[in-house]
Amino acid sequence: MRSLSLAASLSAALLLSGCASQTTPPQQFSGYLTDYSQLQPARSASGTPVLRWISPDFQAERYPSLYIEKPSFYPEPTPSEQVSAQTLEQVRDYLHQALMREMQGGQMKLVDTPNRDSLVLRSAITGVTVSTEGLKAYEVIPVALLIAAASTAAGTRDRNTDIYIELEAVDARTSEPVLRVVRKGHGLALENSATQLGLNDLKPVLDSWARDARDFHPALQ
């Protein structure tokens, strides 16, 4: 009976460790934003969990124009065998294009240079990770556990892809932030440790981020 209880506890622990966190944990905050203390759990326009802060003084009508800075990397990324420097640059460029595309034709006029009445959208990609896929419920049985462990060791197990972003909107005149968002997105799973991450694996989540930025508030429509 004790061995069965131990096995059940081990199985539950394995299941929990395999569950991907839906938001960025504090230990993975990059330092790009100057203040994380006021972030609160919220939902994006599409219903995805995010961490967000909105200034109580924010008034959308004060900002008739919007300037979108090209996303940066923070900290500077280190390419790996599965995530190349070229892919990282493609991801950054595509995110910028997606944001510009979704904001085009909205209530705020997109400008090439911010003016005193502009809202400036700044963002940083703070991480792109590839990790071994967690165990599924049907695998938490002794034989399947052995098979799953062997697959992981051999590098044949699926790889999860995650990307992290930290974003803020600031008043162009005062440089004071009016909005901060920290969020995590999941790309398409890679087949194994030999599969290269490509832009297409992350396009769905980048497109979703851009749509959420557009739909979040009348000031960003």
Protein backbone atom coordinates (compact mmCIF):
# COMPACT_ATOMS: atom_id res chain seq x y z
CA MET A 1 0.00 0.00 0.00
CA ARG A 2 2.85 2.34 0.90
CA SER A 3 4.56 1.64 -2.44
CA LEU A 4 1.31 2.38 -4.30
CA SER A 5 0.94 5.67 -2.41
CA LEU A 6 4.54 6.57 -3.22
CA ALA A 7 3.99 5.76 -6.88
CA ALA A 8 0.86 7.89 -6.95
CA SER A 9 2.70 10.80 -5.35
CA LEU A 10 5.55 10.46 -7.83
CA SER A 11 3.11 10.38 -10.73
CA ALA A 12 1.35 13.50 -9.51
CA ALA A 13 4.67 15.30 -9.11
CA LEU A 14 5.69 14.34 -12.63
CA LEU A 15 2.40 15.59 -14.00
CA LEU A 16 2.74 18.90 -12.21
CA SER A 17 6.31 19.40 -13.34
CA GLY A 18 5.24 18.75 -16.91
CA CYS A 19 2.57 21.44 -16.88
CA ALA A 20 3.82 24.62 -18.55
CA SER A 21 3.26 27.82 -16.65
CA GLN A 22 0.85 30.11 -18.50
CA THR A 23 2.49 33.35 -17.36
CA THR A 24 6.07 34.43 -16.85
CA PRO A 25 7.22 33.60 -13.29
CA PRO A 26 8.95 36.43 -11.37
CA GLN A 27 12.31 34.67 -11.50
CA GLN A 28 12.21 35.06 -15.28
CA PHE A 29 11.56 38.80 -15.32
CA SER A 30 14.37 40.25 -17.40
CA GLY A 31 14.84 43.72 -15.92
CA TYR A 32 13.73 45.41 -19.14
CA LEU A 33 10.86 47.06 -17.29
CA THR A 34 11.85 49.34 -14.44
CA ASP A 35 9.06 48.19 -12.12
CA TYR A 36 7.29 44.83 -11.84
CA SER A 37 5.73 45.36 -8.44
CA GLN A 38 2.34 46.54 -9.68
CA LEU A 39 1.75 43.82 -12.24
CA GLN A 40 -1.45 41.87 -11.68
CA PRO A 41 -2.86 38.71 -13.30
CA ALA A 42 -5.21 39.65 -16.12
CA ARG A 43 -6.53 38.38 -19.43
CA SER A 44 -5.55 39.61 -22.86
CA ALA A 45 -8.21 40.50 -25.44
CA SER A 46 -8.08 36.90 -26.68
CA GLY A 47 -8.45 35.51 -23.13
CA THR A 48 -4.82 34.52 -22.61
CA PRO A 49 -3.39 34.92 -19.07
CA VAL A 50 -0.97 37.85 -18.79
CA LEU A 51 0.55 40.05 -16.12
CA ARG A 52 -0.51 43.69 -16.57
CA TRP A 53 -0.49 47.15 -15.03
CA ILE A 54 -2.42 50.20 -16.26
CA SER A 55 -1.81 53.65 -14.83
CA PRO A 56 -4.88 55.03 -13.01
CA ASP A 57 -4.15 58.34 -14.81
CA PHE A 58 -4.28 56.81 -18.29
CA GLN A 59 -6.68 58.64 -20.60
CA ALA A 60 -6.92 57.23 -24.12
CA GLU A 61 -8.18 60.45 -25.67
CA ARG A 62 -4.90 62.19 -24.85
CA TYR A 63 -3.07 60.15 -27.47
CA PRO A 64 -4.22 60.66 -31.07
CA SER A 65 -1.06 59.08 -32.47
CA LEU A 66 1.00 55.96 -31.88
CA TYR A 67 4.68 55.28 -32.47
CA ILE A 68 5.80 51.64 -32.43
CA GLU A 69 9.45 51.07 -31.67
CA LYS A 70 11.11 48.06 -33.25
CA PRO A 71 11.18 45.30 -30.61
CA SER A 72 14.53 44.72 -28.98
CA PHE A 73 16.13 41.76 -27.26
CA TYR A 74 16.75 41.99 -23.55
CA PRO A 75 19.13 40.64 -22.54
CA GLU A 76 21.12 40.07 -25.71
CA PRO A 77 20.20 36.55 -26.87
CA THR A 78 22.60 33.66 -27.14
CA PRO A 79 21.85 31.48 -30.20
CA SER A 80 21.81 27.72 -29.69
CA GLU A 81 21.86 24.61 -31.84
CA GLN A 82 18.07 24.75 -32.17
CA VAL A 83 17.57 28.53 -32.16
CA SER A 84 19.83 30.36 -34.62
CA ALA A 85 20.74 34.04 -34.66
CA GLN A 86 19.03 34.34 -38.04
CA THR A 87 15.77 32.97 -36.64
CA LEU A 88 15.89 35.36 -33.70
CA GLU A 89 16.27 38.34 -36.06
CA GLN A 90 13.42 37.05 -38.21
CA VAL A 91 11.22 36.73 -35.12
CA ARG A 92 11.95 40.30 -34.04
CA ASP A 93 11.32 41.70 -37.53
CA TYR A 94 8.08 39.75 -37.91
CA LEU A 95 6.75 40.90 -34.54
CA HIS A 96 7.39 44.52 -35.52
CA GLN A 97 5.63 44.01 -38.86
CA ALA A 98 2.69 42.29 -37.16
CA LEU A 99 2.26 45.14 -34.68
CA MET A 100 2.39 47.72 -37.48
CA ARG A 101 -0.07 45.71 -39.56
CA GLU A 102 -2.62 45.31 -36.79
CA MET A 103 -2.44 48.94 -35.67
CA GLN A 104 -2.75 50.32 -39.19
CA GLY A 105 -6.07 52.03 -39.84
CA GLY A 106 -7.05 52.15 -36.16
CA GLN A 107 -8.24 55.10 -34.10
CA MET A 108 -4.67 56.16 -33.41
CA LYS A 109 -2.60 57.43 -36.32
CA LEU A 110 0.67 55.57 -36.77
CA VAL A 111 3.59 58.00 -36.97
CA ASP A 112 7.21 57.55 -38.05
CA THR A 113 8.45 59.89 -35.33
CA PRO A 114 6.73 60.38 -31.97
CA ASN A 115 5.36 63.82 -31.10
CA ARG A 116 4.12 65.33 -27.84
CA ASP A 117 0.71 63.71 -28.24
CA SER A 118 1.97 60.23 -29.09
CA LEU A 119 1.82 57.01 -27.20
CA VAL A 120 5.05 55.08 -27.68
CA LEU A 121 4.85 51.29 -27.72
CA ARG A 122 8.11 49.67 -26.59
CA SER A 123 8.74 45.96 -26.31
CA ALA A 124 11.51 43.45 -25.74
CA ILE A 125 11.71 39.76 -26.49
CA THR A 126 13.23 38.51 -23.26
CA GLY A 127 13.54 34.80 -24.03
CA VAL A 128 13.06 32.09 -26.64
CA THR A 129 13.33 28.62 -25.16
CA VAL A 130 13.08 25.04 -26.36
CA SER A 131 12.46 22.42 -23.68
CA THR A 132 11.54 18.76 -23.45
CA GLU A 133 7.81 18.17 -23.55
CA GLY A 134 6.27 17.21 -20.22
CA LEU A 135 4.73 13.81 -19.61
CA LYS A 136 1.13 13.33 -20.64
CA ALA A 137 -1.44 11.75 -18.33
CA TYR A 138 -1.46 8.43 -20.18
CA GLU A 139 2.32 8.15 -19.75
CA VAL A 140 2.26 8.13 -15.96
CA ILE A 141 2.39 4.37 -15.63
CA PRO A 142 5.58 2.44 -14.85
CA VAL A 143 6.30 1.02 -18.34
CA ALA A 144 5.43 4.24 -20.14
CA LEU A 145 7.59 6.19 -17.72
CA LEU A 146 10.57 4.07 -18.69
CA ILE A 147 9.83 4.57 -22.38
CA ALA A 148 9.37 8.33 -21.94
CA ALA A 149 12.62 8.60 -19.98
CA ALA A 150 14.48 6.69 -22.69
CA SER A 151 12.99 8.95 -25.39
CA THR A 152 14.09 12.04 -23.49
CA ALA A 153 17.62 10.72 -23.08
CA ALA A 154 17.82 9.84 -26.77
CA GLY A 155 16.63 13.31 -27.82
CA THR A 156 13.63 11.93 -29.70
CA ARG A 157 10.99 13.45 -27.46
CA ASP A 158 8.96 16.47 -28.65
CA ARG A 159 10.30 19.90 -27.67
CA ASN A 160 8.08 22.72 -26.42
CA THR A 161 8.84 26.21 -27.71
CA ASP A 162 8.20 29.26 -25.53
CA ILE A 163 8.74 32.95 -26.18
CA TYR A 164 8.60 35.76 -23.63
CA ILE A 165 7.86 39.46 -24.11
CA GLU A 166 7.80 42.52 -21.89
CA LEU A 167 5.97 45.55 -23.24
CA GLU A 168 5.20 49.05 -22.09
CA ALA A 169 3.42 52.08 -23.51
CA VAL A 170 4.85 55.44 -22.50
CA ASP A 171 3.74 59.05 -22.86
CA ALA A 172 6.04 60.58 -25.49
CA ARG A 173 5.98 63.98 -23.79
CA THR A 174 6.75 62.89 -20.24
CA SER A 175 8.31 59.43 -20.84
CA GLU A 176 6.06 58.18 -18.06
CA PRO A 177 4.70 54.63 -18.53
CA VAL A 178 0.94 54.19 -18.72
CA LEU A 179 0.82 50.46 -19.43
CA ARG A 180 3.06 47.47 -18.73
CA VAL A 181 2.52 43.89 -19.85
CA VAL A 182 4.56 40.73 -19.31
CA ARG A 183 3.49 37.63 -21.14
CA LYS A 184 4.55 34.23 -22.32
CA GLY A 185 3.58 32.49 -25.55
CA HIS A 186 3.78 28.93 -26.79
CA GLY A 187 4.95 28.15 -30.29
CA LEU A 188 4.55 24.94 -32.23
CA ALA A 189 6.21 21.83 -30.79
CA LEU A 190 9.42 20.65 -32.46
CA GLU A 191 9.78 16.97 -33.29
CA ASN A 192 13.05 16.36 -31.46
CA SER A 193 16.35 17.87 -30.36
CA ALA A 194 17.65 17.91 -33.94
CA THR A 195 14.76 20.02 -35.27
CA GLN A 196 15.62 23.67 -35.90
CA LEU A 197 13.24 26.32 -34.61
CA GLY A 198 11.97 28.47 -37.49
CA LEU A 199 9.95 31.65 -37.75
CA ASN A 200 6.86 29.70 -38.84
CA ASP A 201 6.90 27.85 -35.50
CA LEU A 202 6.36 31.14 -33.68
CA LYS A 203 4.22 33.08 -36.18
CA PRO A 204 0.87 32.07 -34.60
CA VAL A 205 1.82 33.42 -31.17
CA LEU A 206 3.38 36.59 -32.64
CA ASP A 207 0.20 37.26 -34.63
CA SER A 208 -1.86 36.68 -31.49
CA TRP A 209 0.25 39.17 -29.52
CA ALA A 210 -0.22 41.82 -32.22
CA ARG A 211 -3.99 41.31 -32.32
CA ASP A 212 -4.19 41.50 -28.53
CA ALA A 213 -2.27 44.79 -28.57
CA ARG A 214 -4.76 46.15 -31.09
CA ASP A 215 -7.85 44.95 -29.25
CA PHE A 216 -6.73 45.60 -25.68
CA HIS A 217 -7.96 49.19 -25.37
CA PRO A 218 -9.65 51.82 -27.56
CA ALA A 219 -6.36 53.72 -27.49
CA LEU A 220 -4.68 50.84 -29.28
CA GLN A 221 -7.38 50.10 -31.87
